[in-house]
N, C-alpha and C. Protein backbone atom coordinates (compact mmCIF):
# COMPACT_ATOMS: atom_id res chain seq x y z
N MET A 1 47.31 -12.40 -35.48
CA MET A 1 46.78 -13.24 -34.44
C MET A 1 45.29 -13.46 -34.66
N SER A 2 44.92 -14.70 -34.74
CA SER A 2 43.50 -15.01 -34.88
C SER A 2 42.99 -15.60 -33.58
N SER A 3 41.73 -15.38 -33.33
CA SER A 3 41.16 -15.91 -32.10
C SER A 3 40.65 -17.32 -32.34
N THR A 4 40.67 -18.09 -31.31
CA THR A 4 40.23 -19.48 -31.41
C THR A 4 38.72 -19.53 -31.30
N PRO A 5 38.10 -20.62 -31.75
CA PRO A 5 36.65 -20.75 -31.62
C PRO A 5 36.17 -20.65 -30.18
N LEU A 6 36.98 -21.13 -29.25
CA LEU A 6 36.59 -21.08 -27.84
C LEU A 6 36.53 -19.63 -27.35
N GLU A 7 37.51 -18.80 -27.78
CA GLU A 7 37.51 -17.39 -27.40
C GLU A 7 36.30 -16.67 -28.00
N ASN A 8 35.96 -16.99 -29.24
CA ASN A 8 34.80 -16.38 -29.88
C ASN A 8 33.51 -16.76 -29.15
N GLN A 9 33.42 -18.02 -28.73
CA GLN A 9 32.22 -18.50 -28.02
C GLN A 9 32.11 -17.82 -26.66
N THR A 10 33.23 -17.66 -25.96
CA THR A 10 33.22 -17.00 -24.66
C THR A 10 32.81 -15.54 -24.80
N ALA A 11 33.36 -14.85 -25.80
CA ALA A 11 33.01 -13.45 -26.02
C ALA A 11 31.53 -13.32 -26.37
N GLY A 12 31.02 -14.24 -27.18
CA GLY A 12 29.60 -14.23 -27.54
C GLY A 12 28.72 -14.48 -26.33
N THR A 13 29.14 -15.37 -25.46
CA THR A 13 28.39 -15.69 -24.24
C THR A 13 28.33 -14.48 -23.32
N ASP A 14 29.45 -13.76 -23.20
CA ASP A 14 29.48 -12.57 -22.36
C ASP A 14 28.51 -11.51 -22.87
N VAL A 15 28.51 -11.29 -24.17
CA VAL A 15 27.59 -10.31 -24.76
C VAL A 15 26.15 -10.76 -24.56
N LEU A 16 25.90 -12.04 -24.77
CA LEU A 16 24.56 -12.57 -24.60
C LEU A 16 24.09 -12.44 -23.15
N SER A 17 24.97 -12.74 -22.21
CA SER A 17 24.57 -12.64 -20.80
C SER A 17 24.30 -11.18 -20.42
N GLN A 18 25.06 -10.24 -20.98
CA GLN A 18 24.81 -8.83 -20.71
C GLN A 18 23.46 -8.40 -21.27
N LEU A 19 23.14 -8.88 -22.45
CA LEU A 19 21.84 -8.55 -23.05
C LEU A 19 20.69 -9.13 -22.24
N VAL A 20 20.86 -10.36 -21.78
CA VAL A 20 19.82 -11.00 -20.97
C VAL A 20 19.63 -10.26 -19.66
N GLU A 21 20.73 -9.87 -19.00
CA GLU A 21 20.64 -9.12 -17.75
C GLU A 21 19.92 -7.78 -17.96
N ALA A 22 20.27 -7.08 -19.03
CA ALA A 22 19.64 -5.80 -19.31
C ALA A 22 18.14 -5.98 -19.58
N ALA A 23 17.80 -7.00 -20.37
CA ALA A 23 16.39 -7.25 -20.68
C ALA A 23 15.61 -7.63 -19.43
N CYS A 24 16.20 -8.42 -18.56
CA CYS A 24 15.54 -8.81 -17.31
C CYS A 24 15.33 -7.59 -16.42
N GLY A 25 16.33 -6.73 -16.35
CA GLY A 25 16.19 -5.52 -15.54
C GLY A 25 15.07 -4.63 -16.04
N ILE A 26 14.98 -4.48 -17.35
CA ILE A 26 13.91 -3.67 -17.94
C ILE A 26 12.56 -4.30 -17.66
N ALA A 27 12.47 -5.62 -17.82
CA ALA A 27 11.20 -6.31 -17.58
C ALA A 27 10.76 -6.20 -16.13
N ILE A 28 11.69 -6.31 -15.21
CA ILE A 28 11.37 -6.21 -13.78
C ILE A 28 10.88 -4.81 -13.45
N ARG A 29 11.60 -3.77 -13.94
CA ARG A 29 11.17 -2.39 -13.68
C ARG A 29 9.79 -2.12 -14.26
N LYS A 30 9.52 -2.67 -15.45
CA LYS A 30 8.21 -2.48 -16.07
C LYS A 30 7.13 -3.21 -15.29
N ALA A 31 7.40 -4.44 -14.85
CA ALA A 31 6.40 -5.22 -14.12
C ALA A 31 6.08 -4.58 -12.77
N LEU A 32 7.09 -4.01 -12.12
CA LEU A 32 6.88 -3.39 -10.81
C LEU A 32 6.53 -1.91 -10.92
N ASN A 33 6.42 -1.41 -12.15
CA ASN A 33 6.08 -0.01 -12.40
C ASN A 33 7.10 0.93 -11.75
N ILE A 34 8.38 0.60 -11.91
CA ILE A 34 9.47 1.39 -11.37
C ILE A 34 10.08 2.20 -12.50
N THR A 35 10.25 3.49 -12.28
CA THR A 35 10.88 4.33 -13.29
C THR A 35 12.27 4.72 -12.82
N ASP A 36 13.04 5.30 -13.70
CA ASP A 36 14.39 5.74 -13.36
C ASP A 36 14.39 7.12 -12.70
N VAL A 37 13.21 7.66 -12.45
CA VAL A 37 13.09 8.95 -11.80
C VAL A 37 13.39 8.78 -10.31
N ALA A 38 14.09 9.74 -9.75
CA ALA A 38 14.42 9.68 -8.33
C ALA A 38 13.14 9.70 -7.50
N PRO A 39 13.12 8.98 -6.38
CA PRO A 39 11.92 8.96 -5.55
C PRO A 39 11.61 10.35 -4.98
N LYS A 40 10.33 10.60 -4.74
CA LYS A 40 9.91 11.89 -4.21
C LYS A 40 10.33 11.99 -2.75
N ARG A 41 10.73 13.18 -2.36
CA ARG A 41 11.10 13.41 -0.97
C ARG A 41 9.91 13.92 -0.17
N LEU A 42 9.02 14.71 -0.81
CA LEU A 42 7.86 15.26 -0.13
C LEU A 42 6.61 14.48 -0.50
N MET A 43 5.76 14.26 0.49
CA MET A 43 4.53 13.50 0.28
C MET A 43 3.34 14.36 0.66
N THR A 44 2.23 14.14 -0.04
CA THR A 44 0.99 14.84 0.31
C THR A 44 0.42 14.23 1.59
N ILE A 45 -0.60 14.87 2.13
CA ILE A 45 -1.27 14.35 3.32
C ILE A 45 -1.85 12.97 3.02
N LYS A 46 -2.47 12.83 1.87
CA LYS A 46 -3.07 11.56 1.49
C LYS A 46 -2.01 10.46 1.37
N GLU A 47 -0.89 10.77 0.71
CA GLU A 47 0.19 9.79 0.58
C GLU A 47 0.77 9.43 1.94
N THR A 48 0.89 10.44 2.81
CA THR A 48 1.40 10.20 4.16
C THR A 48 0.48 9.29 4.94
N SER A 49 -0.82 9.53 4.85
CA SER A 49 -1.77 8.70 5.59
C SER A 49 -1.73 7.26 5.08
N THR A 50 -1.59 7.08 3.78
CA THR A 50 -1.47 5.74 3.22
C THR A 50 -0.17 5.09 3.68
N TYR A 51 0.92 5.83 3.66
CA TYR A 51 2.23 5.32 4.05
C TYR A 51 2.24 4.87 5.51
N LEU A 52 1.60 5.67 6.38
CA LEU A 52 1.58 5.34 7.81
C LEU A 52 0.39 4.46 8.20
N ALA A 53 -0.50 4.20 7.25
CA ALA A 53 -1.71 3.38 7.49
C ALA A 53 -2.58 3.99 8.59
N ILE A 54 -2.75 5.30 8.50
CA ILE A 54 -3.64 6.03 9.42
C ILE A 54 -4.52 6.95 8.57
N SER A 55 -5.50 7.57 9.20
CA SER A 55 -6.40 8.45 8.46
C SER A 55 -5.74 9.80 8.16
N GLU A 56 -6.29 10.48 7.18
CA GLU A 56 -5.80 11.82 6.86
C GLU A 56 -6.03 12.76 8.04
N ARG A 57 -7.16 12.59 8.73
CA ARG A 57 -7.47 13.41 9.90
C ARG A 57 -6.38 13.24 10.96
N GLU A 58 -5.90 12.02 11.15
CA GLU A 58 -4.84 11.77 12.14
C GLU A 58 -3.54 12.46 11.73
N VAL A 59 -3.25 12.49 10.44
CA VAL A 59 -2.05 13.20 9.97
C VAL A 59 -2.19 14.69 10.27
N TYR A 60 -3.37 15.26 10.00
CA TYR A 60 -3.61 16.67 10.34
C TYR A 60 -3.47 16.91 11.85
N ASN A 61 -3.97 15.98 12.66
CA ASN A 61 -3.82 16.11 14.12
C ASN A 61 -2.35 16.08 14.52
N MET A 62 -1.58 15.19 13.90
CA MET A 62 -0.15 15.10 14.20
C MET A 62 0.58 16.38 13.80
N LEU A 63 0.14 17.02 12.72
CA LEU A 63 0.73 18.29 12.31
C LEU A 63 0.37 19.40 13.29
N SER A 64 -0.88 19.41 13.75
CA SER A 64 -1.32 20.48 14.66
C SER A 64 -0.65 20.37 16.03
N THR A 65 -0.28 19.17 16.44
CA THR A 65 0.40 18.98 17.73
C THR A 65 1.91 18.96 17.59
N ASN A 66 2.41 19.28 16.38
CA ASN A 66 3.84 19.28 16.08
C ASN A 66 4.51 17.93 16.25
N GLU A 67 3.74 16.87 16.19
CA GLU A 67 4.31 15.53 16.21
C GLU A 67 5.00 15.26 14.86
N LEU A 68 4.44 15.83 13.82
CA LEU A 68 5.06 15.85 12.49
C LEU A 68 5.19 17.30 12.07
N VAL A 69 6.21 17.59 11.26
CA VAL A 69 6.43 18.94 10.77
C VAL A 69 6.12 18.94 9.28
N GLY A 70 5.32 19.91 8.86
CA GLY A 70 4.95 20.02 7.46
C GLY A 70 5.77 21.06 6.73
N VAL A 71 5.82 20.93 5.43
CA VAL A 71 6.46 21.91 4.56
C VAL A 71 5.34 22.59 3.80
N ARG A 72 5.22 23.90 3.93
CA ARG A 72 4.13 24.62 3.28
C ARG A 72 4.57 25.22 1.96
N HIS A 73 3.68 25.12 1.01
CA HIS A 73 3.82 25.82 -0.26
C HIS A 73 2.45 26.39 -0.57
N GLY A 74 2.26 27.65 -0.22
CA GLY A 74 0.93 28.25 -0.32
C GLY A 74 0.03 27.60 0.72
N ARG A 75 -1.11 27.06 0.27
CA ARG A 75 -2.03 26.37 1.19
C ARG A 75 -1.71 24.89 1.31
N ARG A 76 -0.86 24.43 0.43
CA ARG A 76 -0.55 23.00 0.39
C ARG A 76 0.48 22.63 1.45
N VAL A 77 0.24 21.55 2.15
CA VAL A 77 1.17 21.05 3.16
C VAL A 77 1.71 19.71 2.70
N MET A 78 3.04 19.60 2.71
CA MET A 78 3.71 18.37 2.32
C MET A 78 4.53 17.88 3.52
N ILE A 79 4.75 16.58 3.55
CA ILE A 79 5.51 15.98 4.64
C ILE A 79 6.81 15.42 4.06
N ASP A 80 7.92 15.74 4.71
CA ASP A 80 9.23 15.26 4.28
C ASP A 80 9.38 13.78 4.65
N MET A 81 9.77 12.97 3.68
CA MET A 81 9.93 11.53 3.88
C MET A 81 10.94 11.25 4.99
N ARG A 82 11.98 12.07 5.10
CA ARG A 82 12.99 11.86 6.15
C ARG A 82 12.38 12.06 7.53
N ASP A 83 11.47 13.04 7.66
CA ASP A 83 10.80 13.26 8.94
C ASP A 83 9.92 12.06 9.29
N LEU A 84 9.27 11.47 8.28
CA LEU A 84 8.45 10.28 8.53
C LEU A 84 9.31 9.12 9.01
N GLU A 85 10.45 8.93 8.38
CA GLU A 85 11.34 7.83 8.78
C GLU A 85 11.84 8.05 10.21
N THR A 86 12.15 9.29 10.56
CA THR A 86 12.58 9.61 11.93
C THR A 86 11.45 9.34 12.92
N TRP A 87 10.23 9.75 12.56
CA TRP A 87 9.07 9.53 13.43
C TRP A 87 8.83 8.03 13.63
N ILE A 88 8.91 7.27 12.56
CA ILE A 88 8.69 5.82 12.66
C ILE A 88 9.76 5.19 13.55
N ALA A 89 11.00 5.58 13.37
CA ALA A 89 12.09 5.02 14.17
C ALA A 89 11.91 5.35 15.65
N SER A 90 11.44 6.55 15.95
CA SER A 90 11.28 6.93 17.36
C SER A 90 10.04 6.35 18.02
N HIS A 91 9.11 5.80 17.22
CA HIS A 91 7.88 5.24 17.77
C HIS A 91 7.79 3.73 17.65
N LYS A 92 8.90 3.09 17.38
CA LYS A 92 8.89 1.63 17.28
C LYS A 92 8.71 1.03 18.66
N ALA A 93 7.89 0.00 18.73
CA ALA A 93 7.67 -0.68 20.00
C ALA A 93 8.88 -1.56 20.31
N ALA A 94 9.25 -1.56 21.57
CA ALA A 94 10.43 -2.35 21.98
C ALA A 94 10.13 -3.81 22.09
């Protein structure tokens, strides 16, 4: 059984489209500086303040009043991304 020219062209087009899709995906990840590494779950105080668009001092105040809960590792305090999402959801204006 031999394949027809049309079947060969279709198979070639499928391979070509897969290559183009893969190349586009790589280019997009590179342009947006996205890696295949899983996103971080814990954020520093500085990252948290940037994420919430508030000052670092305000993040420390929120920790001291238990409005946010920190994760301690030695002297370092990290904030769980899930806790931030919960806090944001509970403080949305109606």
